[in-house]
Amino acid sequence: MSNERTPSELPPAAAFRPGELVDYGPGAIVSRSLVKQKGGNVTLFAFDAGQELSEHTSPFDALVQVIDGELTLTIGGTPVLARTGDLVLMPADVPHGLRASSRAKMLLTMIR
């Protein structure tokens, strides 16, 4: 088994404020991959108010951390309101989507 790592976009051994690593775009969803490795990915998103990701599934668990603003995630048909500082687990193979009630930033950690 190989221990090869895909280089991340962030340099190691440095401190960052996630909310400062991606800017809002008018009427847009902006994303930035921070870490991409065999065991999982970490992606930062910025949503302008009213933007949404349509319902989909993933074969992996994913952890959402709201960095700024407010999002409504729908997981298995159940709406979950998540605000700045909240964490939400989205289980593998369960349909999920989201809508930004206001401008919002989130960190998505996909666990393989």
N, C-alpha and C. Protein backbone atom coordinates (compact mmCIF):
# COMPACT_ATOMS: atom_id res chain seq x y z
N MET A 1 0.85 -1.18 0.00
CA MET A 1 0.00 0.00 0.00
C MET A 1 0.89 1.24 0.00
N SER A 2 0.56 2.16 -0.87
CA SER A 2 1.36 3.37 -1.01
C SER A 2 0.90 4.46 -0.04
N ASN A 3 1.87 5.22 0.44
CA ASN A 3 1.56 6.35 1.31
C ASN A 3 1.71 7.66 0.55
N GLU A 4 1.63 7.59 -0.78
CA GLU A 4 1.79 8.80 -1.57
C GLU A 4 0.70 9.80 -1.24
N ARG A 5 1.10 11.06 -1.19
CA ARG A 5 0.16 12.14 -0.90
C ARG A 5 0.10 13.08 -2.09
N THR A 6 -1.09 13.53 -2.38
CA THR A 6 -1.26 14.57 -3.38
C THR A 6 -0.96 15.89 -2.68
N PRO A 7 -0.14 16.74 -3.27
CA PRO A 7 0.15 18.01 -2.60
C PRO A 7 -1.12 18.82 -2.38
N SER A 8 -1.23 19.40 -1.20
CA SER A 8 -2.39 20.24 -0.92
C SER A 8 -2.12 21.64 -1.43
N GLU A 9 -3.17 22.43 -1.47
CA GLU A 9 -3.02 23.81 -1.90
C GLU A 9 -2.45 24.68 -0.78
N LEU A 10 -2.54 24.19 0.45
CA LEU A 10 -2.03 24.95 1.59
C LEU A 10 -0.64 24.45 1.98
N PRO A 11 0.27 25.34 2.28
CA PRO A 11 1.58 24.89 2.76
C PRO A 11 1.45 24.31 4.17
N PRO A 12 2.27 23.33 4.50
CA PRO A 12 2.20 22.74 5.84
C PRO A 12 2.78 23.68 6.90
N ALA A 13 2.43 23.40 8.13
CA ALA A 13 2.99 24.09 9.30
C ALA A 13 2.78 25.60 9.24
N ALA A 14 1.57 26.00 8.85
CA ALA A 14 1.22 27.43 8.81
C ALA A 14 -0.22 27.58 9.28
N ALA A 15 -0.55 28.70 9.89
CA ALA A 15 -1.91 28.95 10.38
C ALA A 15 -2.68 29.81 9.38
N PHE A 16 -3.95 29.45 9.18
CA PHE A 16 -4.81 30.18 8.25
C PHE A 16 -6.18 30.38 8.88
N ARG A 17 -6.85 31.43 8.50
CA ARG A 17 -8.25 31.65 8.86
C ARG A 17 -9.05 31.24 7.62
N PRO A 18 -9.83 30.15 7.73
CA PRO A 18 -10.50 29.63 6.53
C PRO A 18 -11.37 30.65 5.81
N GLY A 19 -12.06 31.51 6.55
CA GLY A 19 -12.93 32.49 5.92
C GLY A 19 -12.20 33.48 5.04
N GLU A 20 -10.90 33.61 5.21
CA GLU A 20 -10.10 34.55 4.42
C GLU A 20 -9.49 33.90 3.18
N LEU A 21 -9.70 32.61 3.01
CA LEU A 21 -9.06 31.89 1.89
C LEU A 21 -9.92 31.84 0.63
N VAL A 22 -11.16 32.29 0.72
CA VAL A 22 -12.04 32.33 -0.45
C VAL A 22 -12.94 33.56 -0.33
N ASP A 23 -13.17 34.23 -1.44
CA ASP A 23 -14.01 35.43 -1.46
C ASP A 23 -15.38 35.10 -2.04
N TYR A 24 -16.38 35.90 -1.66
CA TYR A 24 -17.71 35.77 -2.24
C TYR A 24 -17.67 36.28 -3.68
N GLY A 25 -18.52 35.68 -4.51
CA GLY A 25 -18.71 36.17 -5.88
C GLY A 25 -20.17 36.52 -6.05
N PRO A 26 -20.48 37.66 -6.66
CA PRO A 26 -21.88 38.05 -6.82
C PRO A 26 -22.65 37.01 -7.63
N GLY A 27 -23.74 36.50 -7.04
CA GLY A 27 -24.58 35.51 -7.71
C GLY A 27 -23.90 34.20 -8.00
N ALA A 28 -22.89 33.86 -7.19
CA ALA A 28 -22.07 32.69 -7.51
C ALA A 28 -21.77 31.81 -6.30
N ILE A 29 -21.29 30.62 -6.62
CA ILE A 29 -20.70 29.72 -5.64
C ILE A 29 -19.23 29.62 -6.01
N VAL A 30 -18.36 29.96 -5.07
CA VAL A 30 -16.92 29.91 -5.29
C VAL A 30 -16.36 28.80 -4.41
N SER A 31 -15.48 27.96 -4.96
CA SER A 31 -14.89 26.90 -4.15
C SER A 31 -13.38 26.89 -4.33
N ARG A 32 -12.72 26.39 -3.31
CA ARG A 32 -11.25 26.26 -3.33
C ARG A 32 -10.88 24.98 -2.61
N SER A 33 -10.18 24.10 -3.30
CA SER A 33 -9.69 22.86 -2.71
C SER A 33 -8.49 23.18 -1.83
N LEU A 34 -8.56 22.78 -0.57
CA LEU A 34 -7.46 23.05 0.36
C LEU A 34 -6.56 21.84 0.52
N VAL A 35 -7.17 20.66 0.60
CA VAL A 35 -6.41 19.42 0.76
C VAL A 35 -7.11 18.36 -0.09
N LYS A 36 -6.32 17.60 -0.84
CA LYS A 36 -6.86 16.52 -1.66
C LYS A 36 -5.93 15.33 -1.51
N GLN A 37 -6.42 14.30 -0.80
CA GLN A 37 -5.60 13.13 -0.54
C GLN A 37 -6.42 11.85 -0.68
N LYS A 38 -5.76 10.75 -0.69
CA LYS A 38 -6.41 9.46 -0.85
C LYS A 38 -7.48 9.23 0.22
N GLY A 39 -7.24 9.69 1.44
CA GLY A 39 -8.17 9.47 2.55
C GLY A 39 -9.30 10.47 2.62
N GLY A 40 -9.25 11.52 1.82
CA GLY A 40 -10.33 12.51 1.85
C GLY A 40 -9.92 13.85 1.28
N ASN A 41 -10.88 14.74 1.20
CA ASN A 41 -10.67 16.08 0.65
C ASN A 41 -11.24 17.13 1.60
N VAL A 42 -10.65 18.31 1.56
CA VAL A 42 -11.17 19.45 2.30
C VAL A 42 -11.33 20.58 1.29
N THR A 43 -12.57 21.08 1.18
CA THR A 43 -12.88 22.12 0.21
C THR A 43 -13.61 23.25 0.92
N LEU A 44 -13.23 24.47 0.60
CA LEU A 44 -13.85 25.66 1.16
C LEU A 44 -14.79 26.24 0.11
N PHE A 45 -16.01 26.59 0.53
CA PHE A 45 -17.01 27.16 -0.37
C PHE A 45 -17.47 28.52 0.14
N ALA A 46 -17.78 29.42 -0.80
CA ALA A 46 -18.43 30.70 -0.49
C ALA A 46 -19.67 30.79 -1.37
N PHE A 47 -20.84 30.96 -0.75
CA PHE A 47 -22.11 31.03 -1.46
C PHE A 47 -22.67 32.44 -1.33
N ASP A 48 -23.06 33.04 -2.45
CA ASP A 48 -23.79 34.29 -2.36
C ASP A 48 -25.21 33.94 -1.90
N ALA A 49 -25.92 34.89 -1.32
CA ALA A 49 -27.28 34.66 -0.82
C ALA A 49 -28.15 34.08 -1.93
N GLY A 50 -28.90 33.04 -1.58
CA GLY A 50 -29.82 32.42 -2.52
C GLY A 50 -29.23 31.33 -3.39
N GLN A 51 -27.91 31.16 -3.35
CA GLN A 51 -27.28 30.10 -4.15
C GLN A 51 -27.55 28.74 -3.51
N GLU A 52 -27.58 27.70 -4.34
CA GLU A 52 -27.84 26.38 -3.81
C GLU A 52 -27.13 25.29 -4.59
N LEU A 53 -26.97 24.17 -3.93
CA LEU A 53 -26.47 22.95 -4.56
C LEU A 53 -27.65 21.99 -4.60
N SER A 54 -27.99 21.50 -5.79
CA SER A 54 -29.14 20.61 -5.92
C SER A 54 -28.86 19.28 -5.22
N GLU A 55 -29.94 18.58 -4.93
CA GLU A 55 -29.84 17.32 -4.20
C GLU A 55 -28.99 16.31 -4.98
N HIS A 56 -28.12 15.64 -4.25
CA HIS A 56 -27.24 14.63 -4.82
C HIS A 56 -26.84 13.66 -3.71
N THR A 57 -26.12 12.61 -4.05
CA THR A 57 -25.60 11.69 -3.04
C THR A 57 -24.09 11.58 -3.20
N SER A 58 -23.45 11.09 -2.17
CA SER A 58 -22.02 10.83 -2.18
C SER A 58 -21.78 9.49 -1.51
N PRO A 59 -20.82 8.72 -2.01
CA PRO A 59 -20.54 7.42 -1.39
C PRO A 59 -19.73 7.54 -0.09
N PHE A 60 -19.45 8.78 0.33
CA PHE A 60 -18.62 9.00 1.52
C PHE A 60 -19.32 9.92 2.51
N ASP A 61 -19.03 9.75 3.80
CA ASP A 61 -19.50 10.70 4.80
C ASP A 61 -18.82 12.05 4.54
N ALA A 62 -19.53 13.11 4.88
CA ALA A 62 -18.97 14.45 4.73
C ALA A 62 -19.36 15.28 5.94
N LEU A 63 -18.43 16.10 6.40
CA LEU A 63 -18.65 16.98 7.54
C LEU A 63 -18.65 18.42 7.04
N VAL A 64 -19.74 19.14 7.32
CA VAL A 64 -19.86 20.55 6.95
C VAL A 64 -19.62 21.39 8.19
N GLN A 65 -18.74 22.38 8.08
CA GLN A 65 -18.53 23.36 9.15
C GLN A 65 -18.84 24.72 8.56
N VAL A 66 -19.84 25.40 9.13
CA VAL A 66 -20.21 26.72 8.64
C VAL A 66 -19.23 27.74 9.24
N ILE A 67 -18.53 28.44 8.37
CA ILE A 67 -17.51 29.42 8.76
C ILE A 67 -18.14 30.80 8.92
N ASP A 68 -19.16 31.07 8.10
CA ASP A 68 -19.79 32.39 8.11
C ASP A 68 -21.19 32.25 7.53
N GLY A 69 -22.15 32.96 8.09
CA GLY A 69 -23.49 33.01 7.52
C GLY A 69 -24.40 31.90 7.96
N GLU A 70 -25.34 31.56 7.07
CA GLU A 70 -26.39 30.61 7.40
C GLU A 70 -26.75 29.78 6.17
N LEU A 71 -26.82 28.47 6.35
CA LEU A 71 -27.17 27.54 5.28
C LEU A 71 -28.31 26.65 5.75
N THR A 72 -29.17 26.26 4.83
CA THR A 72 -30.13 25.21 5.13
C THR A 72 -29.74 24.00 4.31
N LEU A 73 -29.31 22.96 5.01
CA LEU A 73 -28.98 21.70 4.37
C LEU A 73 -30.22 20.82 4.42
N THR A 74 -30.50 20.10 3.37
CA THR A 74 -31.58 19.12 3.39
C THR A 74 -30.92 17.77 3.25
N ILE A 75 -31.07 16.94 4.28
CA ILE A 75 -30.40 15.65 4.35
C ILE A 75 -31.46 14.58 4.52
N GLY A 76 -31.60 13.72 3.52
CA GLY A 76 -32.62 12.69 3.59
C GLY A 76 -34.02 13.27 3.74
N GLY A 77 -34.25 14.44 3.14
CA GLY A 77 -35.56 15.08 3.18
C GLY A 77 -35.79 15.95 4.42
N THR A 78 -34.84 15.97 5.36
CA THR A 78 -34.99 16.75 6.59
C THR A 78 -34.17 18.03 6.49
N PRO A 79 -34.80 19.21 6.63
CA PRO A 79 -34.03 20.46 6.61
C PRO A 79 -33.26 20.65 7.92
N VAL A 80 -32.02 21.10 7.79
CA VAL A 80 -31.17 21.37 8.94
C VAL A 80 -30.60 22.77 8.78
N LEU A 81 -30.97 23.67 9.69
CA LEU A 81 -30.45 25.03 9.66
C LEU A 81 -29.09 25.03 10.35
N ALA A 82 -28.08 25.53 9.66
CA ALA A 82 -26.72 25.58 10.20
C ALA A 82 -26.20 27.00 10.08
N ARG A 83 -25.71 27.53 11.20
CA ARG A 83 -25.19 28.89 11.25
C ARG A 83 -23.70 28.89 11.59
N THR A 84 -23.09 30.06 11.54
CA THR A 84 -21.67 30.21 11.84
C THR A 84 -21.28 29.40 13.07
N GLY A 85 -20.27 28.55 12.90
CA GLY A 85 -19.75 27.74 14.00
C GLY A 85 -20.37 26.35 14.09
N ASP A 86 -21.47 26.10 13.38
CA ASP A 86 -22.13 24.80 13.46
C ASP A 86 -21.42 23.75 12.60
N LEU A 87 -21.53 22.49 13.05
CA LEU A 87 -21.04 21.32 12.31
C LEU A 87 -22.23 20.44 11.99
N VAL A 88 -22.25 19.86 10.80
CA VAL A 88 -23.31 18.95 10.39
C VAL A 88 -22.67 17.77 9.67
N LEU A 89 -23.03 16.56 10.08
CA LEU A 89 -22.55 15.35 9.40
C LEU A 89 -23.57 14.96 8.34
N MET A 90 -23.10 14.78 7.13
CA MET A 90 -23.94 14.27 6.04
C MET A 90 -23.49 12.84 5.77
N PRO A 91 -24.34 11.86 6.10
CA PRO A 91 -23.93 10.47 5.94
C PRO A 91 -23.85 10.03 4.48
N ALA A 92 -22.98 9.07 4.22
CA ALA A 92 -22.81 8.52 2.88
C ALA A 92 -24.13 7.97 2.37
N ASP A 93 -24.33 8.08 1.07
CA ASP A 93 -25.46 7.49 0.34
C ASP A 93 -26.83 8.05 0.72
N VAL A 94 -26.88 9.16 1.46
CA VAL A 94 -28.15 9.81 1.80
C VAL A 94 -28.25 11.07 0.95
N PRO A 95 -29.35 11.25 0.21
CA PRO A 95 -29.47 12.46 -0.62
C PRO A 95 -29.38 13.73 0.23
N HIS A 96 -28.65 14.71 -0.30
CA HIS A 96 -28.49 15.97 0.40
C HIS A 96 -28.31 17.11 -0.60
N GLY A 97 -28.67 18.30 -0.17
CA GLY A 97 -28.51 19.51 -0.95
C GLY A 97 -28.44 20.67 0.02
N LEU A 98 -28.23 21.88 -0.48
CA LEU A 98 -28.20 23.02 0.43
C LEU A 98 -28.58 24.30 -0.27
N ARG A 99 -29.01 25.25 0.54
CA ARG A 99 -29.35 26.60 0.07
C ARG A 99 -28.78 27.61 1.06
N ALA A 100 -28.15 28.65 0.53
CA ALA A 100 -27.60 29.71 1.37
C ALA A 100 -28.69 30.75 1.62
N SER A 101 -29.14 30.84 2.87
CA SER A 101 -30.16 31.82 3.25
C SER A 101 -29.60 33.23 3.17
N SER A 102 -28.31 33.35 3.48
CA SER A 102 -27.58 34.61 3.40
C SER A 102 -26.23 34.25 2.78
N ARG A 103 -25.39 35.24 2.56
CA ARG A 103 -24.02 34.89 2.14
C ARG A 103 -23.44 33.95 3.18
N ALA A 104 -22.77 32.90 2.73
CA ALA A 104 -22.26 31.91 3.68
C ALA A 104 -20.99 31.26 3.14
N LYS A 105 -20.14 30.87 4.09
CA LYS A 105 -18.93 30.11 3.76
C LYS A 105 -18.96 28.84 4.58
N MET A 106 -18.53 27.74 3.95
CA MET A 106 -18.47 26.47 4.66
C MET A 106 -17.24 25.70 4.25
N LEU A 107 -16.77 24.90 5.19
CA LEU A 107 -15.66 24.00 4.98
C LEU A 107 -16.26 22.60 4.86
N LEU A 108 -16.00 21.91 3.78
CA LEU A 108 -16.51 20.57 3.56
C LEU A 108 -15.36 19.57 3.64
N THR A 109 -15.46 18.65 4.59
CA THR A 109 -14.45 17.59 4.74
C THR A 109 -15.08 16.28 4.32
N MET A 110 -14.60 15.72 3.23
CA MET A 110 -15.08 14.45 2.72
C MET A 110 -14.14 13.36 3.22
N ILE A 111 -14.72 12.35 3.87
CA ILE A 111 -13.94 11.30 4.49
C ILE A 111 -14.12 10.03 3.67
N ARG A 112 -13.03 9.50 3.17
CA ARG A 112 -13.11 8.26 2.35
C ARG A 112 -12.78 7.07 3.19
